[in-house]
Amino acid sequence: MTARPVVIGVDSSTQSTKAAIVDAETGALLAVGRAPHTVTGGDGARETDPEIWWTALARAVSAGLKEAAVPPSAVTGIAVAGQQHGLVTLDAAGRPLRPALLWNDTRSAPQAAALAPALGGPDAWLARTGSVPVAAMTAAKWQWLRAHEPGTAARAAAVRLPHDFLTERLSGEAVTDPGDASGTCWYSTADAAYDHGLLDLLGLDPALLPALAPTAATRAGTLTRAAADALGLPGGVVVAAGTGDNMAAAVGLGLGAGGLLDHPVVSLGTSGTVFAATRTRPASPGIAGFAAADGTFLPLGCTLNCTLAVDRIAGLLGLDREDAEPGDGLVLLPYLDGERTPDLPHATGLLTGLRHTTTPRALLGAAYEGAVFTVLRALDELLAACGLDPADPAVRERPLRLIGGGARGRAWTETVRRLSGRPLLVPAATELVALGAAALAAAAVGGTDPVALAAAWGAGEGKALPPVARDEETWARIEGVLDRAAPALLN
């Protein structure tokens, strides 16, 4: 009997690789193979050897196929969704010259600050790229490399994003997509092309960059013989261009297939992100105006400190992550790695309101509240950038789609409900980035629309939670502390 065709969606994140084995027709998740990454660095540095990603991809694919009991001959397509913004520099043989600078490496904050006036200020960047440079953006990391390791920059024969690196290893083709490219600050979302004026400003030869595919579901090629052997797959498997992790999550949710902005997304992971699909090109200095994988736009706000920061506080207190209760007058801003939205790259954590009666559980609850407040305030900025009033009751009635690891936790979910006062929709699918990548792979094989395909798979459907009364007192308390402390946190 012939096995049903399957596709593989790869989620190559900061901490690990996940390979989802997905029924190409129904979208059923058959298995997920996993392999960890190693992240090194301190004092703002965050790096990973790209070869670790490749090794992890092969291990995850092998583990996923074994768990699904699917023969390799059933695999028809594969696509990679990778962590955004990382800087990968390669030699002429395609080998990494140094470990990749990851998105959450904040050493490039001075270079980001210098880039804004170099083009004439934030508005000039917004007009061309849709985003203002911050430490996370690849352009700032390239400038850091030129300043601190000029020899490495001079020897670079290729400059790639993490997902580009893996797609090229799979297919032998140097290709990227508009979604992930829009996170570099050298891609114009206005023109859907590399901005050669910005490349000149950055001292970056366009010949070092991958070709731009029209969409993330465009065929990059097929598996090379070396890649097929490494993954234990047959030749001829289609490789899609792939995209960034946030863009793939949007595909997995079917964003863009129905009413735009009806369900803005809050993702609670190592970082906290908010995003929504829109056909209007946003321009706000507090929001990254990314392109989406399907030709729409995906404005996004990102906070560096989310589940990992709160788990760190829980660990310091000797508590389980669910042992939280409301903050009881405390404010804890868990900016343990600086912050991106708001742009406070050198910030540290801030705690105020301690009393003799303060309990460890309330302290942990305050960490949840600080992290959720930061994410939700970024959401307000996003909505405003898309022409909506965040305080409009009609806007607040729209459900938030809550995804990421935090969406599975009671404390996270209840804190979001309490501080937002909005209904929530928690999708049943747990691997939305990998499922989105799988939809890209299936679309590359069949020539279909990946967003419509993912919507038909129903990955974005899930449990609806009704709203609760918004905790205005806690919101106002945290907002007041942050607004007063922001000037000091900048230093």
Protein backbone atom coordinates (compact mmCIF):
# COMPACT_ATOMS: atom_id res chain seq x y z
CA MET A 1 0.00 0.00 0.00
CA THR A 2 1.31 3.47 -0.93
CA ALA A 3 1.83 5.77 2.03
CA ARG A 4 -0.05 9.07 2.09
CA PRO A 5 2.14 12.04 1.09
CA VAL A 6 3.63 14.02 3.96
CA VAL A 7 5.53 17.27 4.23
CA ILE A 8 8.06 18.41 6.81
CA GLY A 9 7.84 21.79 8.49
CA VAL A 10 10.99 22.82 10.35
CA ASP A 11 10.97 25.30 13.23
CA SER A 12 14.60 26.29 13.86
CA SER A 13 14.30 28.52 16.92
CA THR A 14 16.77 30.05 19.33
CA GLN A 15 16.83 27.04 21.66
CA SER A 16 15.99 24.03 19.46
CA THR A 17 14.88 22.57 16.15
CA LYS A 18 11.49 20.94 15.74
CA ALA A 19 10.56 18.97 12.62
CA ALA A 20 6.82 18.44 12.19
CA ILE A 21 5.75 15.49 10.05
CA VAL A 22 2.41 16.57 8.58
CA ASP A 23 -0.16 14.85 6.37
CA ALA A 24 -0.02 16.97 3.22
CA GLU A 25 -3.75 16.64 2.57
CA THR A 26 -5.38 16.98 5.97
CA GLY A 27 -2.74 18.90 7.92
CA ALA A 28 -2.76 16.24 10.65
CA LEU A 29 0.34 16.47 12.82
CA LEU A 30 1.77 12.94 12.78
CA ALA A 31 4.87 13.51 14.88
CA VAL A 32 7.42 16.11 15.95
CA GLY A 33 11.13 15.38 16.12
CA ARG A 34 13.26 17.59 18.38
CA ALA A 35 16.92 18.45 18.85
CA PRO A 36 18.44 21.13 21.11
CA HIS A 37 20.74 24.02 20.20
CA THR A 38 23.60 25.52 22.18
CA VAL A 39 23.54 29.28 22.81
CA THR A 40 26.68 30.89 24.21
CA GLY A 41 27.67 34.34 25.40
CA GLY A 42 27.24 36.78 28.25
CA ASP A 43 27.09 40.56 28.77
CA GLY A 44 24.65 40.94 25.90
CA ALA A 45 26.28 38.41 23.56
CA ARG A 46 24.15 35.57 22.20
CA GLU A 47 25.73 33.29 19.58
CA THR A 48 25.31 29.83 18.03
CA ASP A 49 27.45 27.95 15.52
CA PRO A 50 25.18 27.53 12.44
CA GLU A 51 26.50 24.00 11.98
CA ILE A 52 24.59 23.15 15.16
CA TRP A 53 21.38 24.14 13.39
CA TRP A 54 22.14 21.86 10.48
CA THR A 55 23.01 18.91 12.71
CA ALA A 56 19.87 19.54 14.79
CA LEU A 57 17.72 19.69 11.65
CA ALA A 58 18.94 16.28 10.49
CA ARG A 59 18.43 14.77 13.96
CA ALA A 60 14.94 16.26 14.31
CA VAL A 61 13.82 15.05 10.88
CA SER A 62 15.12 11.55 11.60
CA ALA A 63 13.40 11.45 14.99
CA GLY A 64 10.12 12.75 13.56
CA LEU A 65 9.99 10.22 10.73
CA LYS A 66 10.78 7.40 13.15
CA GLU A 67 8.05 8.46 15.58
CA ALA A 68 5.50 8.87 12.77
CA ALA A 69 6.47 5.50 11.26
CA VAL A 70 6.43 7.20 7.87
CA PRO A 71 8.68 5.88 5.09
CA PRO A 72 11.07 8.53 3.71
CA SER A 73 9.60 7.91 0.25
CA ALA A 74 6.33 9.53 1.43
CA VAL A 75 7.98 12.92 1.97
CA THR A 76 7.19 15.33 -0.87
CA GLY A 77 8.31 18.70 0.47
CA ILE A 78 10.17 20.52 3.24
CA ALA A 79 10.37 24.15 4.39
CA VAL A 80 12.30 25.92 7.13
CA ALA A 81 11.02 28.65 9.42
CA GLY A 82 13.90 30.18 11.34
CA GLN A 83 14.51 32.62 14.15
CA GLN A 84 14.59 36.10 12.66
CA HIS A 85 17.41 38.65 12.36
CA GLY A 86 20.42 36.42 13.06
CA LEU A 87 23.59 37.25 11.13
CA VAL A 88 25.34 34.31 9.43
CA THR A 89 28.59 34.97 7.56
CA LEU A 90 29.98 32.29 5.26
CA ASP A 91 33.20 31.69 3.31
CA ALA A 92 33.29 30.78 -0.37
CA ALA A 93 32.69 27.10 0.45
CA GLY A 94 29.55 27.90 2.45
CA ARG A 95 31.19 27.31 5.84
CA PRO A 96 30.49 29.68 8.73
CA LEU A 97 33.29 32.17 9.41
CA ARG A 98 32.19 32.60 13.02
CA PRO A 99 29.19 31.78 15.24
CA ALA A 100 25.99 33.49 14.19
CA LEU A 101 24.95 36.65 16.04
CA LEU A 102 21.43 35.88 17.27
CA TRP A 103 18.44 38.20 17.30
CA ASN A 104 18.68 38.72 21.07
CA ASP A 105 22.36 39.71 21.00
CA THR A 106 22.23 43.31 22.24
CA ARG A 107 25.88 44.23 21.66
CA SER A 108 24.80 45.94 18.45
CA ALA A 109 22.69 48.56 20.29
CA PRO A 110 25.25 51.37 19.69
CA GLN A 111 25.34 50.55 15.98
CA ALA A 112 21.53 50.59 15.83
CA ALA A 113 21.47 53.99 17.53
CA ALA A 114 24.02 55.35 15.04
CA LEU A 115 22.11 54.06 12.01
CA ALA A 116 18.90 56.01 12.67
CA PRO A 117 20.39 59.51 12.16
CA ALA A 118 22.68 58.26 9.38
CA LEU A 119 19.65 58.03 7.09
CA GLY A 120 17.95 61.18 8.35
CA GLY A 121 16.05 59.86 11.35
CA PRO A 122 13.36 57.27 12.16
CA ASP A 123 10.85 58.54 9.61
CA ALA A 124 13.32 57.96 6.78
CA TRP A 125 13.80 54.34 7.85
CA LEU A 126 10.06 53.81 8.23
CA ALA A 127 9.44 55.13 4.73
CA ARG A 128 11.88 52.66 3.20
CA THR A 129 12.02 49.55 5.39
CA GLY A 130 8.94 49.87 7.60
CA SER A 131 11.16 49.57 10.69
CA VAL A 132 13.60 51.67 12.68
CA PRO A 133 16.93 49.93 13.44
CA VAL A 134 17.17 48.37 16.89
CA ALA A 135 19.80 46.03 18.27
CA ALA A 136 17.92 42.94 17.05
CA MET A 137 17.93 43.94 13.37
CA THR A 138 20.48 42.29 11.11
CA ALA A 139 21.74 45.60 9.75
CA ALA A 140 22.88 46.63 13.23
CA LYS A 141 24.63 43.28 13.69
CA TRP A 142 26.44 43.67 10.37
CA GLN A 143 27.64 47.10 11.50
CA TRP A 144 28.80 45.59 14.80
CA LEU A 145 30.79 42.96 12.89
CA ARG A 146 32.39 45.61 10.68
CA ALA A 147 33.36 47.63 13.75
CA HIS A 148 34.60 44.80 15.98
CA GLU A 149 35.71 42.08 13.56
CA PRO A 150 36.52 43.89 10.31
CA GLY A 151 38.62 40.98 9.06
CA THR A 152 35.65 38.61 9.31
CA ALA A 153 33.39 41.07 7.52
CA ALA A 154 35.96 41.52 4.75
CA ARG A 155 36.30 37.73 4.26
CA ALA A 156 32.54 37.13 4.03
CA ALA A 157 31.58 35.54 0.72
CA ALA A 158 27.92 35.30 1.72
CA VAL A 159 25.61 36.90 4.30
CA ARG A 160 22.57 34.92 5.34
CA LEU A 161 19.72 34.81 7.85
CA PRO A 162 19.37 31.57 9.85
CA HIS A 163 16.58 30.17 7.69
CA ASP A 164 18.45 31.18 4.52
CA PHE A 165 21.48 29.19 5.69
CA LEU A 166 19.42 26.05 6.23
CA THR A 167 17.41 26.42 3.00
CA GLU A 168 20.66 26.74 1.06
CA ARG A 169 22.05 23.62 2.75
CA LEU A 170 18.90 21.76 1.75
CA SER A 171 18.54 22.94 -1.84
CA GLY A 172 21.93 24.29 -2.86
CA GLU A 173 20.19 27.55 -3.77
CA ALA A 174 20.81 30.91 -2.09
CA VAL A 175 17.28 32.22 -1.67
CA THR A 176 15.23 34.07 0.94
CA ASP A 177 11.67 35.38 1.17
CA PRO A 178 10.20 38.88 1.69
CA GLY A 179 9.01 38.09 5.22
CA ASP A 180 12.33 37.20 6.78
CA ALA A 181 14.21 39.68 4.56
CA SER A 182 12.02 42.49 5.95
CA GLY A 183 13.66 41.98 9.35
CA THR A 184 17.11 42.96 8.11
CA CYS A 185 16.64 46.74 7.66
CA TRP A 186 18.17 46.49 4.19
CA TYR A 187 14.98 45.30 2.48
CA SER A 188 12.39 47.84 1.31
CA THR A 189 8.83 46.86 2.18
CA ALA A 190 7.74 49.77 -0.01
CA ASP A 191 9.43 48.33 -3.12
CA ALA A 192 9.52 44.60 -2.20
CA ALA A 193 13.25 44.53 -3.01
CA TYR A 194 16.65 45.06 -1.47
CA ASP A 195 17.31 48.77 -0.94
CA HIS A 196 20.64 49.41 -2.67
CA GLY A 197 20.96 52.84 -1.11
CA LEU A 198 20.80 51.23 2.33
CA LEU A 199 23.25 48.53 1.31
CA ASP A 200 25.68 51.29 0.30
CA LEU A 201 25.15 52.97 3.69
CA LEU A 202 25.91 49.65 5.40
CA GLY A 203 28.91 48.84 3.25
CA LEU A 204 27.28 45.57 2.23
CA ASP A 205 27.80 44.21 -1.28
CA PRO A 206 24.42 43.00 -2.64
CA ALA A 207 26.25 40.10 -4.29
CA LEU A 208 26.69 38.61 -0.81
CA LEU A 209 22.91 38.31 -0.31
CA PRO A 210 20.54 35.52 -1.37
CA ALA A 211 18.07 35.99 -4.20
CA LEU A 212 14.58 37.14 -3.24
CA ALA A 213 11.76 34.69 -3.92
CA PRO A 214 8.31 36.23 -4.52
CA THR A 215 6.78 34.35 -1.57
CA ALA A 216 7.85 31.95 1.16
CA ALA A 217 6.07 29.11 -0.67
CA THR A 218 8.11 29.59 -3.84
CA ARG A 219 10.15 26.53 -4.80
CA ALA A 220 13.81 27.08 -3.95
CA GLY A 221 14.64 23.76 -5.62
CA THR A 222 14.89 20.15 -4.52
CA LEU A 223 17.10 18.41 -1.98
CA THR A 224 20.71 18.11 -3.04
CA ARG A 225 22.20 14.64 -2.94
CA ALA A 226 24.28 15.59 0.12
CA ALA A 227 21.23 16.97 1.94
CA ALA A 228 19.10 13.96 1.02
CA ASP A 229 21.77 11.64 2.40
CA ALA A 230 22.14 13.69 5.60
CA LEU A 231 18.39 13.64 6.23
CA GLY A 232 17.76 10.09 5.05
CA LEU A 233 15.33 11.31 2.38
CA PRO A 234 15.07 10.55 -1.34
CA GLY A 235 16.14 12.99 -4.00
CA GLY A 236 13.46 15.11 -5.62
CA VAL A 237 11.88 16.34 -2.38
CA VAL A 238 10.73 19.93 -2.98
CA VAL A 239 12.33 22.66 -0.86
CA ALA A 240 10.28 25.84 -0.33
CA ALA A 241 11.95 29.22 0.14
CA GLY A 242 10.78 29.26 3.77
CA THR A 243 10.53 32.28 6.06
CA GLY A 244 10.98 33.68 9.55
CA ASP A 245 9.37 32.06 12.57
CA ASN A 246 6.77 34.78 13.18
CA MET A 247 5.73 34.77 9.52
CA ALA A 248 5.37 30.99 9.61
CA ALA A 249 3.23 31.17 12.76
CA ALA A 250 0.93 33.60 10.95
CA VAL A 251 0.63 31.13 8.07
CA GLY A 252 -0.09 28.31 10.48
CA LEU A 253 -2.90 30.35 12.01
CA GLY A 254 -4.36 31.11 8.59
CA LEU A 255 -3.88 34.86 9.11
CA GLY A 256 -4.71 36.74 5.96
CA ALA A 257 -7.22 34.18 4.77
CA GLY A 258 -10.18 35.85 6.51
CA GLY A 259 -10.89 39.13 8.25
CA LEU A 260 -7.66 41.02 8.72
CA LEU A 261 -6.89 42.26 12.24
CA ASP A 262 -9.92 40.42 13.60
CA HIS A 263 -7.65 38.22 15.69
CA PRO A 264 -4.36 39.87 16.61
CA VAL A 265 -1.87 37.37 17.97
CA VAL A 266 -0.02 37.36 21.29
CA SER A 267 2.82 34.84 21.35
CA LEU A 268 4.33 33.94 24.72
CA GLY A 269 7.69 32.24 24.29
CA THR A 270 11.30 32.99 25.18
CA SER A 271 10.38 36.36 23.71
CA GLY A 272 6.91 37.86 23.68
CA THR A 273 5.58 38.97 20.31
CA VAL A 274 2.39 40.55 19.03
CA PHE A 275 1.48 40.58 15.36
CA ALA A 276 -1.42 40.79 12.95
CA ALA A 277 -1.99 40.44 9.22
CA THR A 278 -2.95 43.59 7.35
CA ARG A 279 -2.98 44.88 3.79
CA THR A 280 -2.04 48.35 5.04
CA ARG A 281 1.69 49.04 5.21
CA PRO A 282 2.22 50.23 8.81
CA ALA A 283 4.76 52.86 9.82
CA SER A 284 5.37 53.32 13.53
CA PRO A 285 8.76 53.71 15.26
CA GLY A 286 7.71 51.33 18.05
CA ILE A 287 6.66 48.51 15.73
CA ALA A 288 8.53 46.44 13.14
CA GLY A 289 6.66 46.82 9.86
CA PHE A 290 7.47 43.39 8.47
CA ALA A 291 6.26 41.83 5.26
CA ALA A 292 4.23 38.63 5.55
CA ALA A 293 4.89 35.34 3.81
CA ASP A 294 1.91 35.73 1.45
CA GLY A 295 2.25 39.29 0.17
CA THR A 296 0.39 41.09 2.97
CA PHE A 297 2.11 42.85 5.88
CA LEU A 298 2.83 41.53 9.36
CA PRO A 299 3.44 44.42 11.78
CA LEU A 300 5.07 43.07 14.91
CA GLY A 301 6.09 44.17 18.38
CA CYS A 302 8.65 42.09 20.26
CA THR A 303 9.70 41.97 23.91
CA LEU A 304 12.91 40.17 24.84
CA ASN A 305 11.74 39.09 28.28
CA CYS A 306 8.83 36.71 28.46
CA THR A 307 8.65 33.09 29.61
CA LEU A 308 12.39 32.69 30.15
CA ALA A 309 12.56 35.79 32.34
CA VAL A 310 9.57 34.79 34.45
CA ASP A 311 10.92 31.26 34.83
CA ARG A 312 14.18 32.80 36.06
CA ILE A 313 12.29 34.73 38.75
CA ALA A 314 10.46 31.54 39.73
CA GLY A 315 13.78 29.75 40.01
CA LEU A 316 15.28 32.46 42.20
CA LEU A 317 12.27 32.18 44.50
CA GLY A 318 12.29 28.37 44.53
CA LEU A 319 8.75 28.27 43.13
CA ASP A 320 7.02 26.36 40.40
CA ARG A 321 6.01 28.62 37.50
CA GLU A 322 2.33 28.11 38.39
CA ASP A 323 2.83 29.16 42.05
CA ALA A 324 1.87 32.77 41.32
CA GLU A 325 -0.76 35.05 42.75
CA PRO A 326 -1.59 38.71 41.92
CA GLY A 327 1.23 41.15 42.61
CA ASP A 328 -0.35 42.88 45.62
CA GLY A 329 0.98 46.40 44.96
CA LEU A 330 4.32 45.24 43.54
CA VAL A 331 5.79 46.21 40.18
CA LEU A 332 8.46 43.95 38.70
CA LEU A 333 9.72 44.78 35.21
CA PRO A 334 11.68 41.64 34.30
CA TYR A 335 14.02 43.28 31.79
CA LEU A 336 16.75 40.72 32.42
CA ASP A 337 18.16 40.96 28.87
CA GLY A 338 17.48 44.60 28.11
CA GLU A 339 14.29 45.22 26.15
CA ARG A 340 13.23 45.77 22.53
CA THR A 341 9.66 47.11 22.72
CA PRO A 342 10.09 49.54 24.39
CA ASP A 343 13.61 50.06 22.99
CA LEU A 344 15.69 49.79 26.19
CA PRO A 345 18.65 47.60 25.16
CA HIS A 346 20.70 48.32 28.29
CA ALA A 347 17.85 48.06 30.82
CA THR A 348 17.98 45.74 33.80
CA GLY A 349 15.13 44.43 35.92
CA LEU A 350 13.28 46.80 38.21
CA LEU A 351 11.36 45.95 41.40
CA THR A 352 9.37 48.36 43.56
CA GLY A 353 6.63 48.13 46.18
CA LEU A 354 8.18 45.57 48.56
CA ARG A 355 6.68 45.36 52.07
CA HIS A 356 7.08 43.09 55.11
CA THR A 357 3.88 41.37 54.02
CA THR A 358 5.14 40.60 50.49
CA THR A 359 5.02 36.89 49.70
CA PRO A 360 7.16 34.96 47.19
CA ARG A 361 4.01 34.04 45.26
CA ALA A 362 3.04 37.71 44.91
CA LEU A 363 6.57 38.51 43.76
CA LEU A 364 6.29 35.86 41.06
CA GLY A 365 2.86 37.18 40.13
CA ALA A 366 4.36 40.64 39.73
CA ALA A 367 6.90 39.19 37.26
CA TYR A 368 4.03 37.75 35.21
CA GLU A 369 2.22 41.09 35.34
CA GLY A 370 5.30 43.05 34.24
CA ALA A 371 5.97 40.74 31.31
CA VAL A 372 2.32 40.64 30.19
CA PHE A 373 1.95 44.41 30.55
CA THR A 374 4.97 44.93 28.27
CA VAL A 375 3.54 42.58 25.64
CA LEU A 376 0.06 44.12 25.78
CA ARG A 377 1.38 47.67 25.55
CA ALA A 378 3.25 46.59 22.42
CA LEU A 379 -0.08 45.30 21.12
CA ASP A 380 -1.63 48.72 21.68
CA GLU A 381 1.17 50.28 19.62
CA LEU A 382 0.58 47.74 16.87
CA LEU A 383 -3.14 48.42 16.71
CA ALA A 384 -2.53 52.17 16.58
CA ALA A 385 0.00 51.68 13.76
CA CYS A 386 -2.72 49.88 11.80
CA GLY A 387 -5.18 52.76 12.27
CA LEU A 388 -7.18 51.30 15.18
CA ASP A 389 -7.85 52.88 18.57
CA PRO A 390 -6.75 50.35 21.23
CA ALA A 391 -9.22 51.90 23.72
CA ASP A 392 -12.20 51.54 21.35
CA PRO A 393 -14.65 49.07 22.98
CA ALA A 394 -15.27 47.50 19.57
CA VAL A 395 -11.53 46.83 19.21
CA ARG A 396 -11.28 45.42 22.73
CA GLU A 397 -14.09 43.01 22.01
CA ARG A 398 -12.01 41.29 19.34
CA PRO A 399 -10.45 38.05 20.64
CA LEU A 400 -6.70 37.74 21.05
CA ARG A 401 -5.16 34.57 19.70
CA LEU A 402 -2.81 33.36 22.42
CA ILE A 403 0.00 31.07 21.25
CA GLY A 404 3.44 29.91 22.35
CA GLY A 405 4.54 27.87 25.34
CA GLY A 406 3.03 30.37 27.76
CA ALA A 407 -0.42 29.84 26.26
CA ARG A 408 -0.39 26.37 27.87
CA GLY A 409 0.19 27.79 31.35
CA ARG A 410 -2.62 28.78 33.70
CA ALA A 411 -0.71 31.71 35.24
CA TRP A 412 0.16 33.17 31.85
CA THR A 413 -3.36 32.77 30.46
CA GLU A 414 -5.09 34.24 33.50
CA THR A 415 -2.68 37.20 33.67
CA VAL A 416 -3.32 38.01 30.00
CA ARG A 417 -7.08 37.80 30.57
CA ARG A 418 -6.91 40.01 33.65
CA LEU A 419 -4.69 42.74 32.18
CA SER A 420 -6.28 42.79 28.72
CA GLY A 421 -9.94 42.37 29.62
CA ARG A 422 -10.36 40.73 26.22
CA PRO A 423 -11.67 37.35 25.09
CA LEU A 424 -8.97 34.85 24.18
CA LEU A 425 -8.76 32.13 21.58
CA VAL A 426 -6.14 29.50 22.41
CA PRO A 427 -5.49 27.37 19.29
CA ALA A 428 -5.39 23.63 19.90
CA ALA A 429 -2.28 23.24 17.73
CA THR A 430 0.94 23.53 19.70
CA GLU A 431 3.51 23.74 16.89
CA LEU A 432 2.19 26.61 14.81
CA VAL A 433 5.59 27.71 13.43
CA ALA A 434 6.36 24.19 12.23
CA LEU A 435 2.81 23.75 10.91
CA GLY A 436 3.12 27.03 9.03
CA ALA A 437 6.37 25.82 7.52
CA ALA A 438 4.65 22.55 6.57
CA ALA A 439 1.92 24.55 4.79
CA LEU A 440 4.64 26.40 2.87
CA ALA A 441 6.15 23.06 1.86
CA ALA A 442 2.79 21.65 0.76
CA ALA A 443 2.04 24.83 -1.19
CA ALA A 444 5.42 24.64 -2.93
CA VAL A 445 4.64 21.06 -3.96
CA GLY A 446 1.09 21.71 -5.11
CA GLY A 447 1.24 25.34 -6.26
CA THR A 448 -1.48 26.38 -3.80
CA ASP A 449 -1.98 29.30 -1.39
CA PRO A 450 -0.30 28.33 1.91
CA VAL A 451 -2.47 30.60 4.06
CA ALA A 452 -5.71 29.23 2.61
CA LEU A 453 -4.33 25.71 2.94
CA ALA A 454 -3.43 26.20 6.61
CA ALA A 455 -6.84 27.75 7.27
CA ALA A 456 -8.46 24.66 5.74
CA TRP A 457 -6.29 22.49 8.00
CA GLY A 458 -7.86 24.32 10.96
CA ALA A 459 -4.66 24.77 12.97
CA GLY A 460 -5.84 28.17 14.19
CA GLU A 461 -9.00 26.79 15.80
CA GLY A 462 -9.15 26.16 19.50
CA LYS A 463 -10.59 26.97 22.92
CA ALA A 464 -12.44 30.27 23.42
CA LEU A 465 -12.10 31.96 26.82
CA PRO A 466 -14.58 34.74 27.70
CA PRO A 467 -13.28 38.09 28.92
CA VAL A 468 -12.91 39.02 32.56
CA ALA A 469 -12.99 42.54 34.02
CA ARG A 470 -9.81 44.40 33.12
CA ASP A 471 -7.50 45.02 36.09
CA GLU A 472 -7.19 48.76 35.57
CA GLU A 473 -5.48 49.33 38.94
CA THR A 474 -2.58 46.97 38.19
CA TRP A 475 -2.25 48.32 34.64
CA ALA A 476 -2.07 51.92 35.86
CA ARG A 477 0.44 51.04 38.58
CA ILE A 478 2.86 49.34 36.17
CA GLU A 479 2.39 52.02 33.52
CA GLY A 480 3.21 54.76 35.99
CA VAL A 481 6.38 53.05 37.18
CA LEU A 482 7.59 52.32 33.65
CA ASP A 483 6.95 55.84 32.39
CA ARG A 484 8.81 57.34 35.36
CA ALA A 485 11.68 54.84 35.14
CA ALA A 486 12.20 54.80 31.37
CA PRO A 487 14.84 57.60 31.28
CA ALA A 488 16.93 55.77 33.90
CA LEU A 489 16.47 52.42 32.16
CA LEU A 490 17.97 53.89 28.99
CA ASN A 491 21.37 54.16 30.68
